[in-house]
Amino acid sequence: MRKGNPKALLPIAVFLFMYLGLGLIFEYGLKMEMGFYNVPIITAFLMAILTACLQNSKVSFDEKLSIMAKGVGDKNILTMLLIFLVAGTFVGVVGRSSAQSVAYFMLSIVPAQLAIIVLFAVACFVSTAMGTSVGTITLLVPIAIEVAVASDFSAPLCISTVIGGAMFGDNLSFISDTTIAACNGQGCAMQDKFKGNFWIAFPAAFATLLVLFVLTINETPSLITGEYNLIQMIPYALVLVGGVAGVNVFAVLLTGIVSGVLIMGFTGQYTFVELLKNMGTGASGMFETCMVAVLVAALCEMIKEYGGFDALLALIRKMFKGNRGGQLGMGLLVGAMDIATANNTVAIVIANPIAKEISQEYGITPQRSACILDTFSCIFQGMIPYGAQMLVAVSTAAEMGVLVSAFDLLSCLYYPMFLAVSSLIAIVLTKEKNSEKR
């Protein structure tokens, strides 16, 4: 392992101050209207990148551009960008009327008090089948917003419920990038990882359902009934069925786009020209999210090249000893990587080598180390304000005329909170006989 350089982490501190620090000052200190919206996230990341560029004078600016280009050109980043654009196109094609039809149909067959519980369950199933939390959030947030409007529940609660369910599947799915990365990196069979991971994730999901039940069962939402068009529900039905069947997320979204164009066109909802404009509008609505992903990738590659990640790895390895300590160290390690990269798959890939060494040194099984890496990465990824999941949820809500910030959602993210508790309990309950070093 290379020698770490703690100074390389300065750009992260600059970003956190610009985005989180100033946001808190504007929101609670100066009492400004929509305080957090006064700090554009792209500006915060540009300041962080500028800081990174001013560091390490031994490296020329052209070399720094090459380093950043290496990070932006990563396969995971390209895949994420394409998902963002295709998902935005789908939302633009089907429009708000399709989501309204789904919401009103669901509320016509489900008691209003149970609408949020159903949202969480559907998000869990779809994300597990599709293996992508971002895709699930894109598909279900429009429905969640319409449920909030129709049932009078708060939009942050409905949106956060979808994010929680999406992270459930991101953590457990066999075809999730995080599962593949964790299992391959730790030398663990996916079936074994699923068995161990299930008993960490299921209690958290069950606790979330109980909390949602308690919060909503005694409520008397002023249910707004509305008309729904079964034909306009077909695009969402196709993508949901495709998700449950485990079809590739691109194939699912393309199916939704094609069916949406045909249905919205033939039913006279939109003209062909309007559909083309809607597709462009939907895709362009994701441009800021795409730019954030690009800037994060560029910044993280610079920090990694300067030795910032190595400094984090060395610190965590020094602080934690023993089997339980090793597991907790792994969790905080991948969490720190996720905070730095805002990408749970990339965080796992970076953490894999040192986690492998820790597991071998302290007698942690490959199954458990893969579970810890995947679970903790999903805990942090589901809650960081600048993560893809939050950004997509917020931008999709804005597309539908609902303004919420990532900080509005944090207090309602019950599943990631319970997943953290469940993970810590699993670590504490590790049998003593496994705590000896190998």
Protein backbone atom coordinates (compact mmCIF):
# COMPACT_ATOMS: atom_id res chain seq x y z
CA MET A 1 0.00 0.00 0.00
CA ARG A 2 1.30 3.47 -0.89
CA LYS A 3 2.03 6.03 1.79
CA GLY A 4 -1.08 7.98 2.63
CA ASN A 5 -1.40 11.74 2.33
CA PRO A 6 -4.06 13.21 4.63
CA LYS A 7 -3.76 16.62 2.91
CA ALA A 8 -5.22 15.04 -0.23
CA LEU A 9 -8.58 14.88 1.61
CA LEU A 10 -8.80 18.69 1.79
CA PRO A 11 -11.06 18.92 -1.33
CA ILE A 12 -13.66 16.78 0.46
CA ALA A 13 -13.59 19.19 3.42
CA VAL A 14 -14.02 22.12 1.00
CA PHE A 15 -17.02 20.46 -0.63
CA LEU A 16 -18.66 19.61 2.70
CA PHE A 17 -18.21 23.20 3.88
CA MET A 18 -19.51 24.70 0.63
CA TYR A 19 -22.54 22.43 0.30
CA LEU A 20 -23.45 21.17 3.76
CA GLY A 21 -21.93 23.92 5.90
CA LEU A 22 -23.24 26.90 3.95
CA GLY A 23 -26.57 25.15 3.47
CA LEU A 24 -26.98 24.81 7.24
CA ILE A 25 -25.95 28.42 7.75
CA PHE A 26 -28.45 29.70 5.16
CA GLU A 27 -31.24 27.42 6.36
CA TYR A 28 -30.94 27.74 10.13
CA GLY A 29 -28.52 30.62 10.78
CA LEU A 30 -29.68 33.28 8.36
CA LYS A 31 -33.21 31.82 8.07
CA MET A 32 -33.15 32.28 4.32
CA GLU A 33 -36.02 30.94 2.25
CA MET A 34 -35.10 27.53 0.78
CA GLY A 35 -31.65 27.87 2.37
CA PHE A 36 -30.14 24.68 0.98
CA TYR A 37 -31.16 25.60 -2.56
CA ASN A 38 -28.93 28.68 -2.39
CA VAL A 39 -25.81 26.50 -2.66
CA PRO A 40 -25.66 24.81 -6.10
CA ILE A 41 -24.09 21.39 -5.69
CA ILE A 42 -22.18 21.76 -8.96
CA THR A 43 -20.54 24.94 -7.67
CA ALA A 44 -19.52 23.14 -4.47
CA PHE A 45 -17.90 20.33 -6.45
CA LEU A 46 -16.16 22.79 -8.79
CA MET A 47 -14.61 24.51 -5.75
CA ALA A 48 -13.47 21.13 -4.47
CA ILE A 49 -11.90 20.27 -7.84
CA LEU A 50 -10.21 23.68 -7.94
CA THR A 51 -8.75 22.93 -4.52
CA ALA A 52 -7.46 19.57 -5.77
CA CYS A 53 -5.92 21.23 -8.84
CA LEU A 54 -4.08 23.75 -6.65
CA GLN A 55 -2.55 20.93 -4.62
CA ASN A 56 0.58 18.98 -5.57
CA SER A 57 2.52 21.50 -7.67
CA LYS A 58 4.85 18.71 -8.86
CA VAL A 59 2.06 17.46 -11.14
CA SER A 60 1.34 19.64 -14.17
CA PHE A 61 -2.16 20.80 -14.98
CA ASP A 62 -2.24 18.64 -18.13
CA GLU A 63 -1.35 15.59 -16.02
CA LYS A 64 -4.10 16.48 -13.58
CA LEU A 65 -6.58 16.62 -16.46
CA SER A 66 -5.46 13.14 -17.51
CA ILE A 67 -5.94 11.87 -13.97
CA MET A 68 -9.47 13.29 -13.84
CA ALA A 69 -10.28 11.87 -17.28
CA LYS A 70 -9.30 8.42 -16.03
CA GLY A 71 -11.90 8.63 -13.30
CA VAL A 72 -14.62 9.98 -15.58
CA GLY A 73 -13.95 7.19 -18.10
CA ASP A 74 -14.72 4.43 -15.58
CA LYS A 75 -17.32 1.87 -16.75
CA ASN A 76 -19.48 2.36 -13.65
CA ILE A 77 -19.66 6.12 -14.26
CA LEU A 78 -20.63 5.68 -17.92
CA THR A 79 -23.29 3.14 -16.99
CA MET A 80 -24.68 5.51 -14.38
CA LEU A 81 -24.83 8.40 -16.86
CA LEU A 82 -26.70 6.31 -19.41
CA ILE A 83 -29.19 5.13 -16.79
CA PHE A 84 -29.80 8.75 -15.76
CA LEU A 85 -30.49 9.86 -19.34
CA VAL A 86 -32.65 6.87 -20.31
CA ALA A 87 -34.59 7.13 -17.05
CA GLY A 88 -35.16 10.84 -17.62
CA THR A 89 -36.39 10.11 -21.13
CA PHE A 90 -38.88 7.57 -19.74
CA VAL A 91 -40.25 10.07 -17.24
CA GLY A 92 -40.58 12.65 -20.01
CA VAL A 93 -42.45 10.26 -22.32
CA VAL A 94 -45.01 8.88 -19.88
CA GLY A 95 -45.54 12.28 -18.26
CA ARG A 96 -47.40 12.97 -15.07
CA SER A 97 -50.73 11.54 -16.23
CA SER A 98 -49.38 7.99 -16.31
CA ALA A 99 -48.03 8.24 -12.77
CA GLN A 100 -51.32 9.75 -11.65
CA SER A 101 -53.21 6.80 -13.10
CA VAL A 102 -50.98 4.36 -11.21
CA ALA A 103 -51.37 6.30 -7.97
CA TYR A 104 -55.13 6.67 -8.19
CA PHE A 105 -55.56 3.02 -9.20
CA MET A 106 -53.45 1.88 -6.25
CA LEU A 107 -55.42 4.08 -3.86
CA SER A 108 -58.67 2.72 -5.23
CA ILE A 109 -57.77 -0.84 -4.15
CA VAL A 110 -55.60 -0.10 -1.08
CA PRO A 111 -56.72 1.79 2.04
CA ALA A 112 -55.14 5.23 2.11
CA GLN A 113 -53.40 4.45 5.41
CA LEU A 114 -51.52 1.55 3.77
CA ALA A 115 -50.39 3.40 0.65
CA ILE A 116 -46.91 4.17 1.98
CA ILE A 117 -46.44 0.60 3.23
CA VAL A 118 -47.30 -0.67 -0.25
CA LEU A 119 -44.81 1.79 -1.75
CA PHE A 120 -42.03 0.40 0.44
CA ALA A 121 -42.88 -3.23 -0.34
CA VAL A 122 -43.04 -2.56 -4.09
CA ALA A 123 -39.70 -0.71 -3.98
CA CYS A 124 -38.11 -3.65 -2.16
CA PHE A 125 -39.34 -6.18 -4.72
CA VAL A 126 -38.52 -4.11 -7.79
CA SER A 127 -35.02 -3.13 -6.64
CA THR A 128 -34.19 -6.72 -5.69
CA ALA A 129 -35.31 -7.95 -9.10
CA MET A 130 -33.67 -5.14 -11.10
CA GLY A 131 -30.49 -4.87 -9.07
CA THR A 132 -30.44 -1.07 -9.27
CA SER A 133 -31.57 1.43 -6.69
CA VAL A 134 -31.32 4.38 -9.09
CA GLY A 135 -33.56 2.69 -11.65
CA THR A 136 -36.09 1.80 -8.97
CA ILE A 137 -36.14 5.34 -7.61
CA THR A 138 -36.65 6.76 -11.09
CA LEU A 139 -39.59 4.46 -11.73
CA LEU A 140 -41.33 4.82 -8.38
CA VAL A 141 -40.71 8.40 -7.22
CA PRO A 142 -43.27 9.83 -9.70
CA ILE A 143 -45.82 7.38 -8.29
CA ALA A 144 -44.79 8.27 -4.73
CA ILE A 145 -45.34 11.96 -5.44
CA GLU A 146 -48.78 11.32 -6.88
CA VAL A 147 -49.63 9.18 -3.83
CA ALA A 148 -48.54 12.07 -1.61
CA VAL A 149 -50.73 14.51 -3.54
CA ALA A 150 -53.72 12.18 -3.62
CA SER A 151 -53.54 10.97 -0.02
CA ASP A 152 -52.22 14.13 1.67
CA PHE A 153 -49.19 12.35 3.14
CA SER A 154 -45.97 14.38 3.11
CA ALA A 155 -43.92 14.16 -0.06
CA PRO A 156 -40.60 13.66 1.84
CA LEU A 157 -42.06 10.62 3.65
CA CYS A 158 -43.32 9.04 0.42
CA ILE A 159 -40.07 9.72 -1.47
CA SER A 160 -37.87 8.53 1.41
CA THR A 161 -39.90 5.33 1.65
CA VAL A 162 -39.10 4.57 -2.00
CA ILE A 163 -35.39 5.33 -1.45
CA GLY A 164 -35.32 2.95 1.52
CA GLY A 165 -36.96 0.14 -0.44
CA ALA A 166 -34.58 0.78 -3.34
CA MET A 167 -31.56 0.39 -1.07
CA PHE A 168 -32.97 -2.90 0.25
CA GLY A 169 -32.70 -4.44 -3.21
CA ASP A 170 -29.41 -2.72 -4.00
CA ASN A 171 -27.99 -4.54 -0.98
CA LEU A 172 -29.52 -7.99 -1.59
CA SER A 173 -30.00 -8.45 -5.32
CA PHE A 174 -27.90 -11.11 -7.07
CA ILE A 175 -27.46 -8.83 -10.10
CA SER A 176 -26.62 -5.68 -8.15
CA ASP A 177 -23.19 -4.17 -8.92
CA THR A 178 -22.50 -3.95 -5.20
CA THR A 179 -23.19 -7.65 -4.67
CA ILE A 180 -20.98 -8.60 -7.61
CA ALA A 181 -18.17 -6.29 -6.47
CA ALA A 182 -18.27 -7.46 -2.83
CA CYS A 183 -18.46 -11.17 -3.65
CA ASN A 184 -15.75 -11.07 -6.29
CA GLY A 185 -13.46 -8.99 -4.13
CA GLN A 186 -13.81 -11.21 -1.05
CA GLY A 187 -13.99 -14.58 -2.83
CA CYS A 188 -17.51 -15.37 -1.66
CA ALA A 189 -20.30 -17.19 -3.51
CA MET A 190 -23.31 -14.95 -4.11
CA GLN A 191 -25.69 -17.49 -2.58
CA ASP A 192 -23.66 -17.52 0.64
CA LYS A 193 -23.52 -13.75 0.78
CA PHE A 194 -27.30 -13.55 0.22
CA LYS A 195 -27.99 -15.97 3.09
CA GLY A 196 -25.87 -14.00 5.53
CA ASN A 197 -27.01 -10.61 4.23
CA PHE A 198 -30.70 -11.51 4.38
CA TRP A 199 -30.63 -11.87 8.17
CA ILE A 200 -29.17 -8.36 8.43
CA ALA A 201 -31.47 -6.69 5.89
CA PHE A 202 -34.76 -8.43 6.70
CA PRO A 203 -35.00 -7.26 10.35
CA ALA A 204 -34.32 -3.69 9.16
CA ALA A 205 -37.05 -3.96 6.51
CA PHE A 206 -39.49 -5.45 9.02
CA ALA A 207 -38.76 -2.66 11.52
CA THR A 208 -39.30 -0.11 8.76
CA LEU A 209 -42.69 -1.62 7.93
CA LEU A 210 -43.68 -1.47 11.59
CA VAL A 211 -42.68 2.21 11.87
CA LEU A 212 -44.53 3.09 8.67
CA PHE A 213 -47.58 1.20 9.95
CA VAL A 214 -47.51 3.06 13.29
CA LEU A 215 -47.02 6.42 11.57
CA THR A 216 -49.84 5.98 9.08
CA ILE A 217 -52.46 3.63 10.51
CA ASN A 218 -54.00 6.25 12.79
CA GLU A 219 -53.81 8.98 10.20
CA THR A 220 -56.94 10.07 8.40
CA PRO A 221 -55.55 11.39 5.13
CA SER A 222 -57.93 13.48 3.11
CA LEU A 223 -58.02 11.04 0.23
CA ILE A 224 -58.50 12.75 -3.10
CA THR A 225 -60.09 10.32 -5.52
CA GLY A 226 -59.37 10.77 -9.17
CA GLU A 227 -59.90 9.15 -12.51
CA TYR A 228 -57.30 6.76 -13.84
CA ASN A 229 -56.67 5.45 -17.33
CA LEU A 230 -55.77 1.76 -17.35
CA ILE A 231 -54.20 2.04 -20.81
CA GLN A 232 -51.86 4.82 -19.67
CA MET A 233 -50.72 2.57 -16.83
CA ILE A 234 -49.26 0.02 -19.26
CA PRO A 235 -45.76 1.63 -19.51
CA TYR A 236 -45.36 1.57 -15.72
CA ALA A 237 -46.84 -1.93 -15.54
CA LEU A 238 -44.31 -3.16 -18.12
CA VAL A 239 -41.33 -1.67 -16.33
CA LEU A 240 -42.51 -2.96 -12.96
CA VAL A 241 -43.07 -6.47 -14.32
CA GLY A 242 -39.71 -6.32 -16.10
CA GLY A 243 -38.06 -5.22 -12.89
CA VAL A 244 -39.62 -8.01 -10.85
CA ALA A 245 -38.56 -10.49 -13.56
CA GLY A 246 -34.97 -9.31 -13.26
CA VAL A 247 -34.68 -7.89 -16.79
CA ASN A 248 -31.72 -5.58 -17.48
CA VAL A 249 -32.51 -2.03 -16.39
CA PHE A 250 -31.79 -0.60 -19.86
CA ALA A 251 -34.12 -3.11 -21.51
CA VAL A 252 -36.80 -2.32 -18.92
CA LEU A 253 -36.57 1.43 -19.43
CA LEU A 254 -36.43 1.16 -23.24
CA THR A 255 -39.54 -1.01 -23.14
CA GLY A 256 -41.25 1.67 -21.06
CA ILE A 257 -40.17 4.40 -23.49
CA VAL A 258 -41.38 2.55 -26.60
CA SER A 259 -44.70 1.55 -25.03
CA GLY A 260 -45.13 5.08 -23.69
CA VAL A 261 -44.57 6.64 -27.11
CA LEU A 262 -47.06 4.26 -28.74
CA ILE A 263 -49.75 4.61 -26.07
CA MET A 264 -49.45 8.35 -25.52
CA GLY A 265 -49.38 8.87 -29.28
CA PHE A 266 -52.25 6.63 -30.32
CA THR A 267 -54.50 7.77 -27.46
CA GLY A 268 -54.01 11.38 -28.56
CA GLN A 269 -52.40 12.43 -25.29
CA TYR A 270 -49.48 13.96 -27.18
CA THR A 271 -48.57 14.57 -30.81
CA PHE A 272 -45.40 13.02 -32.24
CA VAL A 273 -43.61 16.38 -32.04
CA GLU A 274 -44.69 16.85 -28.42
CA LEU A 275 -43.43 13.36 -27.56
CA LEU A 276 -40.03 14.19 -29.04
CA LYS A 277 -39.92 17.41 -27.03
CA ASN A 278 -40.95 15.55 -23.88
CA MET A 279 -38.18 13.00 -24.41
CA GLY A 280 -35.65 15.80 -24.71
CA THR A 281 -37.05 17.63 -21.70
CA GLY A 282 -36.95 14.48 -19.58
CA ALA A 283 -33.34 13.72 -20.52
CA SER A 284 -32.22 17.33 -20.03
CA GLY A 285 -33.80 17.29 -16.59
CA MET A 286 -31.09 14.83 -15.60
CA PHE A 287 -28.19 16.95 -16.87
CA GLU A 288 -27.33 18.38 -13.45
CA THR A 289 -27.36 14.91 -11.95
CA CYS A 290 -25.09 13.69 -14.77
CA MET A 291 -22.70 16.58 -14.22
CA VAL A 292 -22.50 15.80 -10.51
CA ALA A 293 -21.59 12.18 -11.31
CA VAL A 294 -18.86 13.37 -13.70
CA LEU A 295 -17.42 15.89 -11.22
CA VAL A 296 -17.45 13.34 -8.38
CA ALA A 297 -15.58 10.82 -10.54
CA ALA A 298 -12.97 13.41 -11.52
CA LEU A 299 -12.48 14.64 -7.96
CA CYS A 300 -12.19 11.16 -6.47
CA GLU A 301 -9.57 10.10 -8.98
CA MET A 302 -7.47 13.12 -8.00
CA ILE A 303 -7.82 12.35 -4.29
CA LYS A 304 -6.94 8.72 -4.92
CA GLU A 305 -3.86 9.67 -7.00
CA TYR A 306 -2.63 12.06 -4.31
CA GLY A 307 -2.85 9.36 -1.60
CA GLY A 308 -5.97 10.55 0.20
CA PHE A 309 -7.68 7.17 0.12
CA ASP A 310 -4.51 5.44 1.31
CA ALA A 311 -4.46 7.76 4.32
CA LEU A 312 -8.02 6.77 5.20
CA LEU A 313 -7.26 3.09 4.80
CA ALA A 314 -4.17 3.27 7.01
CA LEU A 315 -6.04 5.14 9.75
CA ILE A 316 -8.93 2.70 9.89
CA ARG A 317 -6.63 -0.31 9.87
CA LYS A 318 -4.62 1.16 12.75
CA MET A 319 -7.66 1.93 14.89
CA PHE A 320 -9.51 -1.40 14.78
CA LYS A 321 -8.29 -4.77 16.04
CA GLY A 322 -9.89 -8.19 16.49
CA ASN A 323 -12.80 -9.88 14.72
CA ARG A 324 -15.54 -7.48 15.80
CA GLY A 325 -13.22 -4.52 15.44
CA GLY A 326 -12.21 -5.75 12.00
CA GLN A 327 -15.83 -5.95 10.90
CA LEU A 328 -16.59 -2.48 12.24
CA GLY A 329 -13.42 -1.17 10.62
CA MET A 330 -14.52 -2.67 7.29
CA GLY A 331 -17.90 -1.00 7.61
CA LEU A 332 -16.45 2.41 8.42
CA LEU A 333 -13.80 1.94 5.75
CA VAL A 334 -16.31 1.38 2.96
CA GLY A 335 -18.49 4.11 4.46
CA ALA A 336 -15.62 6.59 4.29
CA MET A 337 -14.95 5.53 0.70
CA ASP A 338 -18.62 6.03 -0.12
CA ILE A 339 -18.66 9.51 1.42
CA ALA A 340 -15.61 10.34 -0.67
CA THR A 341 -16.80 8.80 -3.94
CA ALA A 342 -20.62 9.02 -3.65
CA ASN A 343 -20.75 5.63 -5.40
CA ASN A 344 -21.23 2.46 -3.35
CA THR A 345 -19.88 0.15 -6.04
CA VAL A 346 -16.71 2.20 -6.45
CA ALA A 347 -16.41 2.38 -2.64
CA ILE A 348 -16.49 -1.42 -2.40
CA VAL A 349 -13.93 -1.84 -5.18
CA ILE A 350 -11.55 0.57 -3.42
CA ALA A 351 -12.07 -1.03 0.00
CA ASN A 352 -11.84 -4.65 -1.21
CA PRO A 353 -8.03 -5.14 -0.97
CA ILE A 354 -7.59 -3.82 2.59
CA ALA A 355 -10.80 -5.54 3.70
CA LYS A 356 -9.41 -8.82 2.36
CA GLU A 357 -6.26 -8.33 4.43
CA ILE A 358 -8.26 -7.52 7.56
CA SER A 359 -10.50 -10.58 7.09
CA GLN A 360 -7.51 -12.89 6.70
CA GLU A 361 -5.71 -11.39 9.67
CA TYR A 362 -8.64 -11.54 12.09
CA GLY A 363 -10.49 -14.66 11.01
CA ILE A 364 -13.48 -13.01 9.34
CA THR A 365 -15.14 -15.28 6.80
CA PRO A 366 -15.43 -14.14 3.16
CA GLN A 367 -19.22 -14.37 3.52
CA ARG A 368 -19.27 -11.97 6.45
CA SER A 369 -16.77 -9.53 4.95
CA ALA A 370 -18.79 -9.37 1.70
CA CYS A 371 -21.96 -8.77 3.73
CA ILE A 372 -20.35 -5.99 5.78
CA LEU A 373 -18.92 -4.21 2.74
CA ASP A 374 -22.18 -4.32 0.78
CA THR A 375 -24.43 -3.46 3.72
CA PHE A 376 -22.44 -0.50 5.05
CA SER A 377 -21.93 0.90 1.56
CA CYS A 378 -25.71 0.89 1.08
CA ILE A 379 -26.28 2.51 4.47
CA PHE A 380 -24.07 5.47 3.62
CA GLN A 381 -25.08 5.64 -0.06
CA GLY A 382 -28.75 5.81 0.85
CA MET A 383 -28.21 8.79 3.15
CA ILE A 384 -25.51 11.07 1.71
CA PRO A 385 -27.17 14.21 0.30
CA TYR A 386 -25.04 14.20 -2.86
CA GLY A 387 -25.43 10.50 -3.67
CA ALA A 388 -27.02 9.44 -6.96
CA GLN A 389 -30.09 8.08 -5.18
CA MET A 390 -30.86 11.38 -3.43
CA LEU A 391 -30.05 13.44 -6.50
CA VAL A 392 -32.30 11.39 -8.76
CA ALA A 393 -35.15 11.49 -6.24
CA VAL A 394 -34.87 15.25 -5.79
CA SER A 395 -34.52 15.97 -9.52
CA THR A 396 -37.41 13.65 -10.43
CA ALA A 397 -39.59 15.36 -7.83
CA ALA A 398 -38.62 18.75 -9.23
CA GLU A 399 -39.58 17.53 -12.72
CA MET A 400 -43.06 16.90 -11.32
CA GLY A 401 -43.29 20.29 -9.64
CA VAL A 402 -42.45 19.20 -6.07
CA LEU A 403 -39.48 20.97 -4.47
CA VAL A 404 -37.72 18.95 -1.78
CA SER A 405 -34.09 18.93 -0.72
CA ALA A 406 -32.01 15.94 0.27
CA PHE A 407 -32.07 17.26 3.83
CA ASP A 408 -35.87 17.16 3.83
CA LEU A 409 -35.64 13.43 3.14
CA LEU A 410 -33.00 12.50 5.72
CA SER A 411 -35.30 12.38 8.75
CA CYS A 412 -37.66 9.97 6.94
CA LEU A 413 -35.02 7.48 5.76
CA TYR A 414 -36.03 4.79 8.23
CA TYR A 415 -34.69 1.77 6.37
CA PRO A 416 -31.02 2.92 6.18
CA MET A 417 -31.21 3.86 9.86
CA PHE A 418 -32.54 0.43 10.86
CA LEU A 419 -30.06 -1.27 8.53
CA ALA A 420 -27.24 0.47 10.42
CA VAL A 421 -28.63 -0.76 13.74
CA SER A 422 -29.14 -4.28 12.41
CA SER A 423 -25.57 -4.36 11.05
CA LEU A 424 -24.08 -3.25 14.37
CA ILE A 425 -26.12 -5.88 16.22
CA ALA A 426 -24.87 -8.55 13.80
CA ILE A 427 -21.29 -7.51 14.52
CA VAL A 428 -21.81 -7.52 18.30
CA LEU A 429 -23.38 -10.98 18.16
CA THR A 430 -20.34 -12.47 16.40
CA LYS A 431 -19.30 -15.60 18.26
CA GLU A 432 -16.26 -15.19 20.49
CA LYS A 433 -14.55 -18.25 19.03
CA ASN A 434 -14.20 -16.35 15.73
CA SER A 435 -12.37 -13.45 17.31
CA GLU A 436 -8.93 -15.02 17.33
CA LYS A 437 -6.42 -14.04 14.70
CA ARG A 438 -5.43 -16.56 12.12
